[in-house]
N, C-alpha and C. Protein backbone atom coordinates (compact mmCIF):
# COMPACT_ATOMS: atom_id res chain seq x y z
N MET A 1 0.84 -1.20 0.00
CA MET A 1 0.00 0.00 0.00
C MET A 1 0.87 1.25 0.00
N SER A 2 0.35 2.32 -0.55
CA SER A 2 1.09 3.57 -0.62
C SER A 2 1.06 4.29 0.73
N ILE A 3 1.93 5.28 0.88
CA ILE A 3 1.94 6.09 2.10
C ILE A 3 0.59 6.78 2.27
N GLN A 4 0.02 7.24 1.16
CA GLN A 4 -1.29 7.88 1.23
C GLN A 4 -2.35 6.92 1.77
N ASP A 5 -2.33 5.69 1.27
CA ASP A 5 -3.29 4.68 1.75
C ASP A 5 -3.07 4.37 3.23
N ASN A 6 -1.81 4.19 3.60
CA ASN A 6 -1.49 3.91 5.00
C ASN A 6 -1.94 5.04 5.92
N LEU A 7 -1.67 6.26 5.46
CA LEU A 7 -2.03 7.44 6.25
C LEU A 7 -3.54 7.52 6.45
N SER A 8 -4.28 7.27 5.39
CA SER A 8 -5.74 7.30 5.48
C SER A 8 -6.25 6.24 6.46
N ARG A 9 -5.65 5.06 6.38
CA ARG A 9 -6.08 3.97 7.26
C ARG A 9 -5.79 4.30 8.73
N VAL A 10 -4.62 4.86 8.99
CA VAL A 10 -4.26 5.24 10.36
C VAL A 10 -5.17 6.35 10.86
N GLN A 11 -5.43 7.34 10.03
CA GLN A 11 -6.30 8.45 10.44
C GLN A 11 -7.70 7.96 10.76
N GLU A 12 -8.21 7.03 9.97
CA GLU A 12 -9.53 6.46 10.25
C GLU A 12 -9.53 5.68 11.56
N SER A 13 -8.46 4.95 11.80
CA SER A 13 -8.35 4.18 13.04
C SER A 13 -8.29 5.09 14.25
N ILE A 14 -7.54 6.18 14.13
CA ILE A 14 -7.46 7.16 15.22
C ILE A 14 -8.83 7.78 15.48
N ALA A 15 -9.52 8.15 14.40
CA ALA A 15 -10.85 8.75 14.54
C ALA A 15 -11.82 7.79 15.22
N ASP A 16 -11.79 6.53 14.83
CA ASP A 16 -12.67 5.53 15.44
C ASP A 16 -12.38 5.36 16.93
N ALA A 17 -11.09 5.26 17.26
CA ALA A 17 -10.71 5.08 18.66
C ALA A 17 -11.08 6.31 19.49
N THR A 18 -10.93 7.49 18.89
CA THR A 18 -11.26 8.73 19.60
C THR A 18 -12.75 8.81 19.89
N LEU A 19 -13.56 8.50 18.89
CA LEU A 19 -15.02 8.55 19.07
C LEU A 19 -15.49 7.53 20.11
N ARG A 20 -14.82 6.39 20.16
CA ARG A 20 -15.20 5.36 21.14
C ARG A 20 -14.98 5.83 22.58
N THR A 21 -14.06 6.78 22.76
CA THR A 21 -13.80 7.30 24.10
C THR A 21 -14.74 8.45 24.44
N GLY A 22 -15.59 8.83 23.50
CA GLY A 22 -16.53 9.92 23.75
C GLY A 22 -15.97 11.29 23.49
N ARG A 23 -14.78 11.35 22.89
CA ARG A 23 -14.18 12.64 22.56
C ARG A 23 -14.49 13.03 21.12
N ALA A 24 -14.34 14.32 20.85
CA ALA A 24 -14.64 14.82 19.52
C ALA A 24 -13.58 14.39 18.52
N ASP A 25 -14.00 14.20 17.28
CA ASP A 25 -13.06 13.90 16.20
C ASP A 25 -12.04 15.02 16.10
N GLY A 26 -10.78 14.68 15.98
CA GLY A 26 -9.73 15.68 15.93
C GLY A 26 -9.07 15.95 17.27
N SER A 27 -9.55 15.28 18.32
CA SER A 27 -8.98 15.48 19.65
C SER A 27 -7.59 14.89 19.80
N VAL A 28 -7.25 13.95 18.91
CA VAL A 28 -5.95 13.28 18.96
C VAL A 28 -5.15 13.65 17.72
N ARG A 29 -3.99 14.24 17.91
CA ARG A 29 -3.14 14.64 16.79
C ARG A 29 -2.19 13.50 16.42
N LEU A 30 -1.90 13.43 15.13
CA LEU A 30 -1.01 12.39 14.61
C LEU A 30 0.35 12.98 14.26
N VAL A 31 1.39 12.43 14.88
CA VAL A 31 2.77 12.74 14.52
C VAL A 31 3.27 11.61 13.63
N ALA A 32 3.56 11.91 12.38
CA ALA A 32 4.08 10.91 11.44
C ALA A 32 5.59 10.82 11.62
N VAL A 33 6.06 9.70 12.13
CA VAL A 33 7.48 9.54 12.46
C VAL A 33 8.22 8.98 11.25
N SER A 34 9.08 9.81 10.68
CA SER A 34 9.71 9.49 9.40
C SER A 34 11.17 9.06 9.53
N LYS A 35 11.59 8.66 10.71
CA LYS A 35 13.00 8.29 10.90
C LYS A 35 13.40 7.15 9.97
N PHE A 36 14.59 7.29 9.41
CA PHE A 36 15.19 6.32 8.49
C PHE A 36 14.50 6.26 7.13
N HIS A 37 13.51 7.09 6.91
CA HIS A 37 12.85 7.15 5.60
C HIS A 37 13.26 8.44 4.89
N PRO A 38 13.38 8.40 3.56
CA PRO A 38 13.90 9.55 2.82
C PRO A 38 12.94 10.72 2.76
N ALA A 39 13.47 11.86 2.34
CA ALA A 39 12.65 13.07 2.22
C ALA A 39 11.50 12.86 1.25
N ASP A 40 11.69 12.02 0.23
CA ASP A 40 10.61 11.74 -0.72
C ASP A 40 9.39 11.15 -0.02
N ALA A 41 9.63 10.32 0.99
CA ALA A 41 8.52 9.74 1.74
C ALA A 41 7.78 10.81 2.53
N VAL A 42 8.55 11.75 3.10
CA VAL A 42 7.94 12.87 3.81
C VAL A 42 7.09 13.70 2.86
N LEU A 43 7.62 13.97 1.67
CA LEU A 43 6.89 14.77 0.69
C LEU A 43 5.61 14.08 0.25
N GLU A 44 5.65 12.76 0.13
CA GLU A 44 4.43 12.03 -0.23
C GLU A 44 3.38 12.16 0.87
N ALA A 45 3.83 12.12 2.11
CA ALA A 45 2.89 12.29 3.23
C ALA A 45 2.33 13.71 3.26
N ILE A 46 3.18 14.69 2.95
CA ILE A 46 2.72 16.08 2.89
C ILE A 46 1.68 16.25 1.80
N GLN A 47 1.94 15.65 0.64
CA GLN A 47 0.98 15.73 -0.47
C GLN A 47 -0.34 15.04 -0.12
N SER A 48 -0.29 14.14 0.85
CA SER A 48 -1.50 13.45 1.31
C SER A 48 -2.19 14.20 2.44
N GLY A 49 -1.64 15.35 2.81
CA GLY A 49 -2.29 16.20 3.81
C GLY A 49 -1.66 16.22 5.18
N GLN A 50 -0.64 15.39 5.44
CA GLN A 50 -0.01 15.36 6.76
C GLN A 50 0.89 16.58 6.95
N ARG A 51 0.82 17.19 8.12
CA ARG A 51 1.60 18.40 8.38
C ARG A 51 2.48 18.31 9.63
N LEU A 52 2.31 17.28 10.43
CA LEU A 52 3.08 17.16 11.67
C LEU A 52 3.92 15.89 11.62
N PHE A 53 5.24 16.07 11.79
CA PHE A 53 6.18 14.96 11.67
C PHE A 53 7.06 14.87 12.92
N GLY A 54 7.65 13.71 13.11
CA GLY A 54 8.57 13.50 14.22
C GLY A 54 9.84 12.83 13.74
N GLU A 55 10.95 13.21 14.34
CA GLU A 55 12.24 12.60 14.03
C GLU A 55 12.96 12.28 15.34
N ASN A 56 13.78 11.23 15.30
CA ASN A 56 14.52 10.79 16.48
C ASN A 56 15.96 11.25 16.51
N ARG A 57 16.54 11.51 15.34
CA ARG A 57 17.96 11.80 15.26
C ARG A 57 18.18 13.19 14.70
N VAL A 58 19.06 13.94 15.37
CA VAL A 58 19.26 15.35 15.02
C VAL A 58 19.79 15.52 13.61
N GLN A 59 20.84 14.80 13.26
CA GLN A 59 21.44 14.97 11.94
C GLN A 59 20.45 14.64 10.83
N GLU A 60 19.71 13.56 11.00
CA GLU A 60 18.73 13.17 9.99
C GLU A 60 17.63 14.21 9.87
N ALA A 61 17.17 14.71 11.00
CA ALA A 61 16.12 15.73 11.00
C ALA A 61 16.59 17.00 10.30
N GLU A 62 17.80 17.41 10.61
CA GLU A 62 18.37 18.63 10.02
C GLU A 62 18.51 18.48 8.51
N GLU A 63 19.06 17.37 8.06
CA GLU A 63 19.28 17.15 6.63
C GLU A 63 17.97 17.02 5.87
N LYS A 64 17.00 16.35 6.46
CA LYS A 64 15.75 16.04 5.77
C LYS A 64 14.79 17.22 5.74
N PHE A 65 14.72 17.96 6.85
CA PHE A 65 13.65 18.96 6.98
C PHE A 65 14.08 20.40 6.72
N SER A 66 15.38 20.67 6.66
CA SER A 66 15.79 22.05 6.39
C SER A 66 15.26 22.52 5.04
N GLY A 67 15.27 21.63 4.05
CA GLY A 67 14.72 21.97 2.74
C GLY A 67 13.21 21.87 2.70
N VAL A 68 12.67 20.85 3.35
CA VAL A 68 11.21 20.65 3.36
C VAL A 68 10.51 21.87 3.94
N LEU A 69 11.03 22.42 5.03
CA LEU A 69 10.37 23.53 5.70
C LEU A 69 10.41 24.81 4.89
N VAL A 70 11.42 24.95 4.04
CA VAL A 70 11.48 26.13 3.17
C VAL A 70 10.32 26.14 2.19
N HIS A 71 10.03 24.98 1.62
CA HIS A 71 8.98 24.87 0.61
C HIS A 71 7.60 24.61 1.22
N HIS A 72 7.58 24.17 2.47
CA HIS A 72 6.30 23.87 3.14
C HIS A 72 6.33 24.47 4.55
N PRO A 73 6.21 25.81 4.64
CA PRO A 73 6.34 26.47 5.95
C PRO A 73 5.24 26.11 6.94
N ASP A 74 4.17 25.49 6.47
CA ASP A 74 3.09 25.08 7.38
C ASP A 74 3.35 23.73 8.03
N VAL A 75 4.42 23.06 7.62
CA VAL A 75 4.79 21.77 8.21
C VAL A 75 5.51 22.01 9.54
N GLN A 76 5.24 21.14 10.50
CA GLN A 76 5.91 21.21 11.80
C GLN A 76 6.69 19.92 12.05
N LEU A 77 7.84 20.07 12.68
CA LEU A 77 8.65 18.92 13.06
C LEU A 77 8.83 18.90 14.57
N HIS A 78 8.58 17.75 15.17
CA HIS A 78 8.83 17.54 16.59
C HIS A 78 10.04 16.64 16.77
N MET A 79 10.91 17.01 17.67
CA MET A 79 12.03 16.15 18.05
C MET A 79 11.54 15.20 19.12
N ILE A 80 11.55 13.89 18.83
CA ILE A 80 10.98 12.93 19.76
C ILE A 80 12.01 11.97 20.34
N GLY A 81 13.25 12.05 19.87
CA GLY A 81 14.29 11.14 20.34
C GLY A 81 15.14 11.76 21.42
N SER A 82 15.97 10.94 22.02
CA SER A 82 16.89 11.41 23.05
C SER A 82 17.77 12.53 22.49
N LEU A 83 17.92 13.59 23.26
CA LEU A 83 18.62 14.77 22.76
C LEU A 83 19.76 15.14 23.70
N GLN A 84 20.96 15.23 23.13
CA GLN A 84 22.12 15.66 23.90
C GLN A 84 22.20 17.18 23.88
N ARG A 85 22.75 17.74 24.94
CA ARG A 85 22.82 19.21 25.03
C ARG A 85 23.60 19.81 23.87
N ASN A 86 24.66 19.14 23.44
CA ASN A 86 25.49 19.71 22.38
C ASN A 86 24.84 19.64 21.00
N LYS A 87 23.66 19.02 20.91
CA LYS A 87 22.95 18.95 19.64
C LYS A 87 21.75 19.91 19.59
N VAL A 88 21.48 20.58 20.69
CA VAL A 88 20.30 21.45 20.76
C VAL A 88 20.37 22.57 19.73
N ALA A 89 21.54 23.18 19.58
CA ALA A 89 21.69 24.29 18.64
C ALA A 89 21.40 23.85 17.21
N LYS A 90 21.67 22.60 16.89
CA LYS A 90 21.44 22.10 15.54
C LYS A 90 19.96 21.81 15.27
N ILE A 91 19.23 21.33 16.28
CA ILE A 91 17.85 20.91 16.04
C ILE A 91 16.85 22.06 16.13
N LEU A 92 17.14 23.08 16.94
CA LEU A 92 16.14 24.12 17.16
C LEU A 92 15.72 24.88 15.90
N PRO A 93 16.61 25.13 14.94
CA PRO A 93 16.15 25.85 13.74
C PRO A 93 15.09 25.12 12.94
N VAL A 94 14.98 23.80 13.09
CA VAL A 94 14.03 23.05 12.27
C VAL A 94 12.88 22.45 13.08
N THR A 95 12.89 22.62 14.39
CA THR A 95 11.83 21.99 15.19
C THR A 95 10.98 23.03 15.90
N SER A 96 9.71 22.71 16.07
CA SER A 96 8.81 23.60 16.82
C SER A 96 8.56 23.07 18.22
N CYS A 97 8.91 21.81 18.46
CA CYS A 97 8.67 21.20 19.77
C CYS A 97 9.69 20.11 20.04
N VAL A 98 10.21 20.10 21.26
CA VAL A 98 11.07 19.01 21.72
C VAL A 98 10.25 18.19 22.71
N GLN A 99 9.92 16.95 22.32
CA GLN A 99 9.07 16.11 23.16
C GLN A 99 9.85 15.33 24.22
N SER A 100 11.16 15.37 24.13
CA SER A 100 11.99 14.47 24.94
C SER A 100 12.82 15.20 25.98
N VAL A 101 12.24 16.20 26.63
CA VAL A 101 12.95 16.90 27.70
C VAL A 101 12.93 16.02 28.95
N ASP A 102 14.08 15.47 29.29
CA ASP A 102 14.14 14.46 30.36
C ASP A 102 15.06 14.85 31.52
N ARG A 103 15.55 16.10 31.50
CA ARG A 103 16.41 16.55 32.60
C ARG A 103 16.48 18.07 32.59
N ARG A 104 16.81 18.63 33.74
CA ARG A 104 16.84 20.09 33.91
C ARG A 104 17.85 20.73 32.98
N GLU A 105 19.03 20.12 32.87
CA GLU A 105 20.10 20.72 32.07
C GLU A 105 19.68 20.88 30.60
N LEU A 106 18.93 19.93 30.10
CA LEU A 106 18.46 20.01 28.71
C LEU A 106 17.46 21.15 28.55
N LEU A 107 16.57 21.30 29.50
CA LEU A 107 15.60 22.40 29.46
C LEU A 107 16.31 23.75 29.41
N LEU A 108 17.31 23.93 30.25
CA LEU A 108 18.04 25.20 30.28
C LEU A 108 18.81 25.45 28.99
N GLU A 109 19.34 24.40 28.39
CA GLU A 109 20.06 24.55 27.12
C GLU A 109 19.09 24.93 26.01
N ILE A 110 17.91 24.34 26.00
CA ILE A 110 16.90 24.70 25.00
C ILE A 110 16.51 26.16 25.15
N GLU A 111 16.30 26.60 26.38
CA GLU A 111 15.96 28.00 26.63
C GLU A 111 17.08 28.92 26.15
N LYS A 112 18.31 28.58 26.45
CA LYS A 112 19.46 29.40 26.05
C LYS A 112 19.55 29.52 24.53
N ARG A 113 19.44 28.41 23.83
CA ARG A 113 19.58 28.41 22.37
C ARG A 113 18.37 29.05 21.70
N ALA A 114 17.18 28.85 22.25
CA ALA A 114 15.99 29.47 21.68
C ALA A 114 16.07 30.99 21.81
N ALA A 115 16.59 31.46 22.93
CA ALA A 115 16.75 32.91 23.13
C ALA A 115 17.71 33.49 22.10
N LEU A 116 18.80 32.77 21.83
CA LEU A 116 19.77 33.24 20.83
C LEU A 116 19.15 33.29 19.43
N LEU A 117 18.24 32.37 19.15
CA LEU A 117 17.57 32.35 17.85
C LEU A 117 16.40 33.32 17.78
N GLY A 118 15.96 33.80 18.94
CA GLY A 118 14.81 34.69 18.98
C GLY A 118 13.52 33.98 18.65
N LYS A 119 13.39 32.71 19.04
CA LYS A 119 12.17 31.95 18.77
C LYS A 119 11.67 31.30 20.05
N SER A 120 10.40 30.93 20.03
CA SER A 120 9.82 30.19 21.14
C SER A 120 9.69 28.72 20.76
N VAL A 121 9.94 27.86 21.70
CA VAL A 121 9.92 26.42 21.45
C VAL A 121 8.99 25.75 22.46
N ASP A 122 8.10 24.91 21.97
CA ASP A 122 7.27 24.11 22.86
C ASP A 122 8.06 22.90 23.34
N ILE A 123 7.77 22.46 24.54
CA ILE A 123 8.42 21.26 25.06
C ILE A 123 7.39 20.34 25.72
N LEU A 124 7.71 19.06 25.71
CA LEU A 124 7.00 18.08 26.52
C LEU A 124 8.03 17.46 27.46
N PHE A 125 7.64 17.22 28.67
CA PHE A 125 8.52 16.54 29.61
C PHE A 125 8.36 15.03 29.42
N GLU A 126 9.47 14.35 29.14
CA GLU A 126 9.42 12.91 28.96
C GLU A 126 9.43 12.21 30.32
N ILE A 127 8.48 11.32 30.49
CA ILE A 127 8.30 10.65 31.78
C ILE A 127 8.59 9.17 31.65
N HIS A 128 9.35 8.67 32.60
CA HIS A 128 9.67 7.24 32.65
C HIS A 128 8.51 6.52 33.33
N THR A 129 7.76 5.72 32.57
CA THR A 129 6.61 5.02 33.15
C THR A 129 6.68 3.51 32.97
N GLY A 130 7.73 3.03 32.29
CA GLY A 130 7.75 1.60 31.98
C GLY A 130 9.10 0.96 32.18
N GLU A 131 9.73 0.54 31.08
CA GLU A 131 10.96 -0.23 31.13
C GLU A 131 12.12 0.56 31.72
N GLU A 132 13.00 -0.15 32.39
CA GLU A 132 14.15 0.50 33.02
C GLU A 132 15.06 1.17 32.00
N SER A 133 15.07 0.66 30.78
CA SER A 133 15.99 1.20 29.77
C SER A 133 15.50 2.51 29.17
N LYS A 134 14.25 2.85 29.41
CA LYS A 134 13.69 4.05 28.81
C LYS A 134 14.17 5.30 29.54
N ALA A 135 14.24 6.42 28.79
CA ALA A 135 14.63 7.69 29.37
C ALA A 135 13.42 8.35 30.03
N GLY A 136 13.66 9.49 30.66
CA GLY A 136 12.57 10.26 31.22
C GLY A 136 12.69 10.48 32.71
N PHE A 137 11.93 11.45 33.21
CA PHE A 137 11.90 11.71 34.65
C PHE A 137 11.28 10.52 35.36
N ALA A 138 11.96 10.02 36.38
CA ALA A 138 11.47 8.85 37.10
C ALA A 138 10.77 9.22 38.40
N SER A 139 11.00 10.44 38.89
CA SER A 139 10.36 10.85 40.14
C SER A 139 9.63 12.17 39.96
N GLU A 140 8.54 12.31 40.69
CA GLU A 140 7.76 13.54 40.65
C GLU A 140 8.60 14.72 41.16
N LYS A 141 9.42 14.48 42.15
CA LYS A 141 10.27 15.54 42.71
C LYS A 141 11.19 16.12 41.65
N ASP A 142 11.88 15.26 40.90
CA ASP A 142 12.78 15.74 39.85
C ASP A 142 12.02 16.48 38.76
N LEU A 143 10.85 15.96 38.40
CA LEU A 143 10.04 16.62 37.38
C LEU A 143 9.63 18.01 37.85
N PHE A 144 9.13 18.12 39.06
CA PHE A 144 8.65 19.42 39.55
C PHE A 144 9.80 20.42 39.67
N GLU A 145 10.99 19.95 40.01
CA GLU A 145 12.15 20.85 40.05
C GLU A 145 12.45 21.41 38.67
N ALA A 146 12.27 20.58 37.64
CA ALA A 146 12.48 21.05 36.27
C ALA A 146 11.37 22.02 35.86
N ILE A 147 10.14 21.69 36.19
CA ILE A 147 9.02 22.57 35.84
C ILE A 147 9.19 23.94 36.50
N ASP A 148 9.70 23.96 37.72
CA ASP A 148 9.92 25.23 38.42
C ASP A 148 10.83 26.16 37.64
N LEU A 149 11.75 25.59 36.85
CA LEU A 149 12.68 26.41 36.08
C LEU A 149 11.98 27.19 34.98
N LEU A 150 10.80 26.77 34.58
CA LEU A 150 10.08 27.46 33.50
C LEU A 150 9.75 28.90 33.88
N ALA A 151 9.71 29.20 35.17
CA ALA A 151 9.44 30.57 35.61
C ALA A 151 10.53 31.52 35.13
N GLU A 152 11.72 30.97 34.86
CA GLU A 152 12.84 31.79 34.40
C GLU A 152 13.01 31.73 32.88
N CYS A 153 12.13 31.02 32.21
CA CYS A 153 12.28 30.78 30.77
C CYS A 153 11.27 31.61 29.97
N GLY A 154 11.80 32.45 29.09
CA GLY A 154 10.93 33.28 28.27
C GLY A 154 10.75 32.76 26.86
N HIS A 155 11.49 31.72 26.49
CA HIS A 155 11.43 31.20 25.12
C HIS A 155 11.05 29.72 25.06
N THR A 156 10.71 29.15 26.20
CA THR A 156 10.37 27.73 26.27
C THR A 156 8.99 27.59 26.89
N ARG A 157 8.08 26.95 26.16
CA ARG A 157 6.70 26.81 26.62
C ARG A 157 6.38 25.36 26.92
N CYS A 158 5.81 25.10 28.06
CA CYS A 158 5.36 23.75 28.40
C CYS A 158 4.06 23.45 27.67
N SER A 159 3.99 22.27 27.05
CA SER A 159 2.77 21.85 26.37
C SER A 159 2.19 20.56 26.94
N GLY A 160 2.97 19.85 27.78
CA GLY A 160 2.44 18.61 28.34
C GLY A 160 3.51 17.59 28.63
N LEU A 161 3.12 16.31 28.51
CA LEU A 161 3.97 15.19 28.90
C LEU A 161 4.05 14.15 27.79
N MET A 162 5.13 13.38 27.79
CA MET A 162 5.33 12.32 26.81
C MET A 162 5.86 11.08 27.51
N THR A 163 5.49 9.90 27.01
CA THR A 163 6.07 8.67 27.52
C THR A 163 6.08 7.59 26.44
N MET A 164 6.86 6.55 26.70
CA MET A 164 6.87 5.34 25.88
C MET A 164 6.48 4.17 26.76
N ALA A 165 5.48 3.42 26.34
CA ALA A 165 5.07 2.24 27.10
C ALA A 165 6.09 1.12 26.89
N PRO A 166 6.12 0.15 27.77
CA PRO A 166 7.00 -1.01 27.57
C PRO A 166 6.66 -1.71 26.25
N PHE A 167 7.69 -2.20 25.56
CA PHE A 167 7.45 -2.94 24.32
C PHE A 167 7.12 -4.38 24.69
N THR A 168 5.84 -4.63 24.84
CA THR A 168 5.38 -5.94 25.31
C THR A 168 4.00 -6.23 24.74
N SER A 169 3.64 -7.48 24.75
CA SER A 169 2.29 -7.87 24.32
C SER A 169 1.31 -7.88 25.49
N ASP A 170 1.82 -7.58 26.67
CA ASP A 170 0.99 -7.57 27.88
C ASP A 170 0.21 -6.25 27.95
N GLU A 171 -1.05 -6.30 27.56
CA GLU A 171 -1.86 -5.08 27.50
C GLU A 171 -2.02 -4.44 28.87
N THR A 172 -2.04 -5.25 29.92
CA THR A 172 -2.18 -4.71 31.27
C THR A 172 -1.02 -3.79 31.62
N ASN A 173 0.20 -4.20 31.27
CA ASN A 173 1.38 -3.37 31.53
C ASN A 173 1.37 -2.10 30.69
N ILE A 174 0.93 -2.23 29.45
CA ILE A 174 0.87 -1.06 28.57
C ILE A 174 -0.12 -0.03 29.13
N ARG A 175 -1.29 -0.50 29.50
CA ARG A 175 -2.30 0.41 30.05
C ARG A 175 -1.82 1.05 31.36
N ALA A 176 -1.15 0.28 32.18
CA ALA A 176 -0.63 0.82 33.44
C ALA A 176 0.36 1.95 33.19
N SER A 177 1.19 1.78 32.17
CA SER A 177 2.16 2.82 31.82
C SER A 177 1.46 4.10 31.40
N PHE A 178 0.45 3.97 30.56
CA PHE A 178 -0.27 5.15 30.09
C PHE A 178 -1.05 5.81 31.22
N ARG A 179 -1.61 5.01 32.11
CA ARG A 179 -2.38 5.58 33.22
C ARG A 179 -1.50 6.36 34.18
N LYS A 180 -0.25 5.93 34.31
CA LYS A 180 0.70 6.69 35.13
C LYS A 180 0.86 8.10 34.58
N LEU A 181 0.93 8.21 33.25
CA LEU A 181 1.10 9.53 32.65
C LEU A 181 -0.15 10.39 32.86
N VAL A 182 -1.32 9.78 32.70
CA VAL A 182 -2.57 10.51 32.91
C VAL A 182 -2.66 11.01 34.36
N ASN A 183 -2.30 10.18 35.30
CA ASN A 183 -2.33 10.58 36.71
C ASN A 183 -1.34 11.70 36.99
N LEU A 184 -0.17 11.63 36.35
CA LEU A 184 0.84 12.67 36.55
C LEU A 184 0.38 13.97 35.92
N GLN A 185 -0.29 13.88 34.79
CA GLN A 185 -0.84 15.09 34.17
C GLN A 185 -1.77 15.81 35.15
N TYR A 186 -2.62 15.05 35.82
CA TYR A 186 -3.54 15.65 36.80
C TYR A 186 -2.77 16.33 37.91
N ARG A 187 -1.73 15.68 38.42
CA ARG A 187 -0.91 16.27 39.48
C ARG A 187 -0.26 17.57 39.01
N CYS A 188 0.24 17.58 37.78
CA CYS A 188 0.88 18.78 37.25
C CYS A 188 -0.13 19.91 37.09
N GLN A 189 -1.31 19.59 36.62
CA GLN A 189 -2.35 20.60 36.44
C GLN A 189 -2.78 21.19 37.78
N GLN A 190 -2.80 20.36 38.82
CA GLN A 190 -3.15 20.86 40.15
C GLN A 190 -2.03 21.72 40.73
N GLU A 191 -0.81 21.30 40.51
CA GLU A 191 0.35 21.99 41.10
C GLU A 191 0.73 23.25 40.33
N TYR A 192 0.49 23.24 39.01
CA TYR A 192 0.89 24.37 38.16
C TYR A 192 -0.28 24.78 37.26
N PRO A 193 -1.32 25.38 37.84
CA PRO A 193 -2.53 25.71 37.06
C PRO A 193 -2.29 26.73 35.95
N ALA A 194 -1.22 27.50 36.04
CA ALA A 194 -0.96 28.52 35.02
C ALA A 194 -0.25 27.95 33.80
N LEU A 195 0.24 26.72 33.89
CA LEU A 195 0.96 26.12 32.77
C LEU A 195 0.06 25.18 31.98
N ASP A 196 0.46 24.93 30.75
CA ASP A 196 -0.31 24.08 29.84
C ASP A 196 0.22 22.65 29.88
N PHE A 197 -0.58 21.74 30.36
CA PHE A 197 -0.22 20.32 30.35
C PHE A 197 -1.25 19.51 29.55
N SER A 198 -1.86 20.16 28.57
CA SER A 198 -2.97 19.52 27.85
C SER A 198 -2.54 18.39 26.92
N THR A 199 -1.28 18.41 26.48
CA THR A 199 -0.82 17.38 25.54
C THR A 199 -0.30 16.15 26.28
N LEU A 200 -0.85 15.00 25.92
CA LEU A 200 -0.33 13.71 26.39
C LEU A 200 0.13 12.94 25.16
N SER A 201 1.43 12.95 24.92
CA SER A 201 1.99 12.26 23.77
C SER A 201 2.33 10.84 24.18
N MET A 202 1.46 9.91 23.82
CA MET A 202 1.69 8.51 24.16
C MET A 202 0.96 7.63 23.15
N GLY A 203 1.64 6.55 22.75
CA GLY A 203 1.09 5.65 21.76
C GLY A 203 1.88 5.68 20.48
N MET A 204 2.28 4.47 20.02
CA MET A 204 3.01 4.33 18.77
C MET A 204 2.29 3.29 17.91
N SER A 205 2.93 2.85 16.82
CA SER A 205 2.24 1.98 15.86
C SER A 205 1.62 0.75 16.50
N ASN A 206 2.29 0.19 17.50
CA ASN A 206 1.82 -1.07 18.09
C ASN A 206 0.81 -0.90 19.21
N ASP A 207 0.67 0.33 19.75
CA ASP A 207 -0.22 0.48 20.92
C ASP A 207 -1.03 1.77 20.92
N TYR A 208 -1.13 2.45 19.77
CA TYR A 208 -1.78 3.77 19.79
C TYR A 208 -3.27 3.70 20.09
N ARG A 209 -3.92 2.60 19.71
CA ARG A 209 -5.36 2.48 20.02
C ARG A 209 -5.57 2.39 21.52
N ILE A 210 -4.72 1.63 22.19
CA ILE A 210 -4.79 1.53 23.65
C ILE A 210 -4.52 2.89 24.27
N ALA A 211 -3.51 3.59 23.75
CA ALA A 211 -3.15 4.91 24.28
C ALA A 211 -4.32 5.88 24.19
N ILE A 212 -5.01 5.86 23.06
CA ILE A 212 -6.16 6.75 22.88
C ILE A 212 -7.26 6.40 23.88
N GLU A 213 -7.49 5.12 24.08
CA GLU A 213 -8.49 4.70 25.07
C GLU A 213 -8.14 5.19 26.47
N GLU A 214 -6.84 5.34 26.74
CA GLU A 214 -6.39 5.76 28.07
C GLU A 214 -6.24 7.28 28.19
N GLY A 215 -6.48 8.02 27.10
CA GLY A 215 -6.48 9.47 27.21
C GLY A 215 -5.45 10.22 26.39
N SER A 216 -4.72 9.54 25.53
CA SER A 216 -3.72 10.21 24.70
C SER A 216 -4.34 11.30 23.85
N THR A 217 -3.60 12.40 23.68
CA THR A 217 -4.04 13.47 22.77
C THR A 217 -3.09 13.60 21.58
N MET A 218 -2.03 12.78 21.57
CA MET A 218 -1.06 12.83 20.47
C MET A 218 -0.40 11.46 20.35
N VAL A 219 -0.42 10.89 19.15
CA VAL A 219 0.22 9.59 18.93
C VAL A 219 1.34 9.74 17.92
N ARG A 220 2.39 8.94 18.09
CA ARG A 220 3.59 9.01 17.26
C ARG A 220 3.70 7.72 16.46
N ILE A 221 3.41 7.80 15.17
CA ILE A 221 3.29 6.59 14.36
C ILE A 221 4.22 6.64 13.16
N GLY A 222 5.04 5.61 13.02
CA GLY A 222 5.98 5.55 11.91
C GLY A 222 5.73 4.38 10.99
N THR A 223 5.93 3.16 11.49
CA THR A 223 5.85 1.96 10.66
C THR A 223 4.50 1.81 9.98
N ALA A 224 3.42 2.09 10.67
CA ALA A 224 2.08 1.92 10.10
C ALA A 224 1.82 2.88 8.95
N ILE A 225 2.63 3.94 8.85
CA ILE A 225 2.48 4.92 7.77
C ILE A 225 3.53 4.71 6.69
N PHE A 226 4.79 4.65 7.09
CA PHE A 226 5.90 4.62 6.14
C PHE A 226 6.40 3.21 5.83
N GLY A 227 5.92 2.21 6.56
CA GLY A 227 6.40 0.86 6.36
C GLY A 227 7.63 0.57 7.20
N GLU A 228 8.17 -0.61 7.04
CA GLU A 228 9.37 -1.00 7.78
C GLU A 228 10.55 -0.13 7.36
N ARG A 229 11.51 -0.01 8.26
CA ARG A 229 12.70 0.80 7.97
C ARG A 229 13.44 0.23 6.76
N PRO A 230 13.91 1.11 5.87
CA PRO A 230 14.70 0.62 4.73
C PRO A 230 15.97 -0.07 5.22
N VAL A 231 16.35 -1.14 4.55
CA VAL A 231 17.55 -1.88 4.93
C VAL A 231 18.79 -1.14 4.44
């Protein structure tokens, strides 16, 4: 099937899952994850109407999207992979949101570089809710200490939280991971009512329907749209 066909099928599946939860159509945004796929694949998705993309690797994102964004200024790119501080300056010119803020030092570096560029950047705090190998804030205390720093940030905007569920066929564990994020969202909203925590980025190709059932407002899907990674 073509990327257009895959995209249509995924969008229909998202719409169905959203309506089943009693939410309005369009409540869940789709991030098309194009890692390891060429710019031509991104362009095909754009021609099919997709405008929000995600990349995991800084160099690939920079090479692929610097040209795409010139010709398609309405397209947005989110950085969803682990980000080193020394790569922040490279990714910020092409990204509108960093979903993988997992430590205070990274937040401060994003603020510093965004200020130098004279742009505002949205961020999601990545939360560790599952496997030990996954990145993200593991304690509420550490997360709140990072959120407190936003009071000093004029170029970094909080948009919500992100997580990755364990890669397992055990649906109970997957749901538990997503519910942890939903519960933490509530705590953040109570503790920081002036900040925006409306985005819950959770769910990928193998578990996005479950994520939507548990309250996701943003899913990150690659394989179901672009196919398996090129060899």
